[in-house]
Amino acid sequence: MSPLDFISLDLPEQVLQGIRDAGFVATTPIQEGTLPLALKGKDVAGQSQTGTGKTAAFLIAAFTRCLRHPAPAKSGPTAPRVLIIAPTRELVVQIEADARLLGAHTGLRILAVYGGIDYNKQREELRQSCDVLVGTPGRLIDYLKQHVWSPQRVEVLVIDEADRMFDMGFIADLRFILRKLPKPEKRQSFLFSATLSFRVMELTWEFMNNPTQISVTPLQKTAENAVKSAELEVLKAEVTLDWQGDQPELLALTDTVGDYTLHESPIAVETGADDTNENPAEGAMRVALSCMLLHQAVGTF
């Protein structure tokens, strides 16, 4: 079956120009599944890995909605029409770059806020208003509490990499922001995640309006996962770590198993340390490694 052509989606010319600038011709599977629904105003919860085109999917849908619906009159603090929340600075930067490329002809002002750069400069840029706001939860909350921006006029919400929001401990911050938005039936919402686990689906039930669930697994990933599953059976047996309380050693372990999904496949960490204050499990959780602790002082569980 041939992939869907962007021309057939009846997109605004300004959006099509951005698509051509990006060199896109036909949709990827996640785009083909998402865009026809999104362009009809439906909410979508998508299971899709990074690199499958999900960012373009939600940006094209958001830009199209903004262009087809007149912007409300501006008053008070900055009130973005599109809010995109992502867990890491690197992801926010990438989404902003994609948005500027795809949205270059839309006339929409795009702004990203995140840690690691001048705090006051970002705040002043945000005060000058924007149509599309991309940010990490912490920085968004900082400026929200200072009344630099308002969530009251958000028309499109995007939660990207929702599973990582949980893994990195941002879920409380995310919920804080979402509760400030217009009700789900008053806006359009998209959520994308590598897995649509029960806890991720709880977010969709609480903060989205009857979303359609779409799952896409790239063919190459399917083959890779088959090999990794076989390798993981060996790896799961035991990973031995000489724990001395040093984070670098723990990070080395994370590098070893980091390509695997470990949330449902605990790794056993064996340590010879007697001091129960030195807890490798706590450090492991900080680097998003699910593990079981085998400690000679506490036994096996």
Foldseek 3Di string as FASTA:
>chain_A
DDAAFPVVLPADPLLVVLCVLVVDGGAFPVLSVQQVQLLVVFAAEEADDPPRCVLVNQLSSQLRVPQVDDDDDDDAAAEAQEEEEEADPVVLVVSQVSNCSSNVRSPFFEAEDEPDDDLVVSLVVRRVYGHYYYYYLVSVVVSVVVRNYAQANHAEYEYEAVVVCVLQVNPVSVVVVLVRHPAQVRHHYYYYHNDCDPVNVVCCVHRHDPHDYYYDDDPVNVVVVVVVVVVVVVQQVADEFADPLDLVSLVVVCVVCVVDDCPVRAHEYEYADPDPVSDVCVSCSNVSHHHFYDYPNPHGD
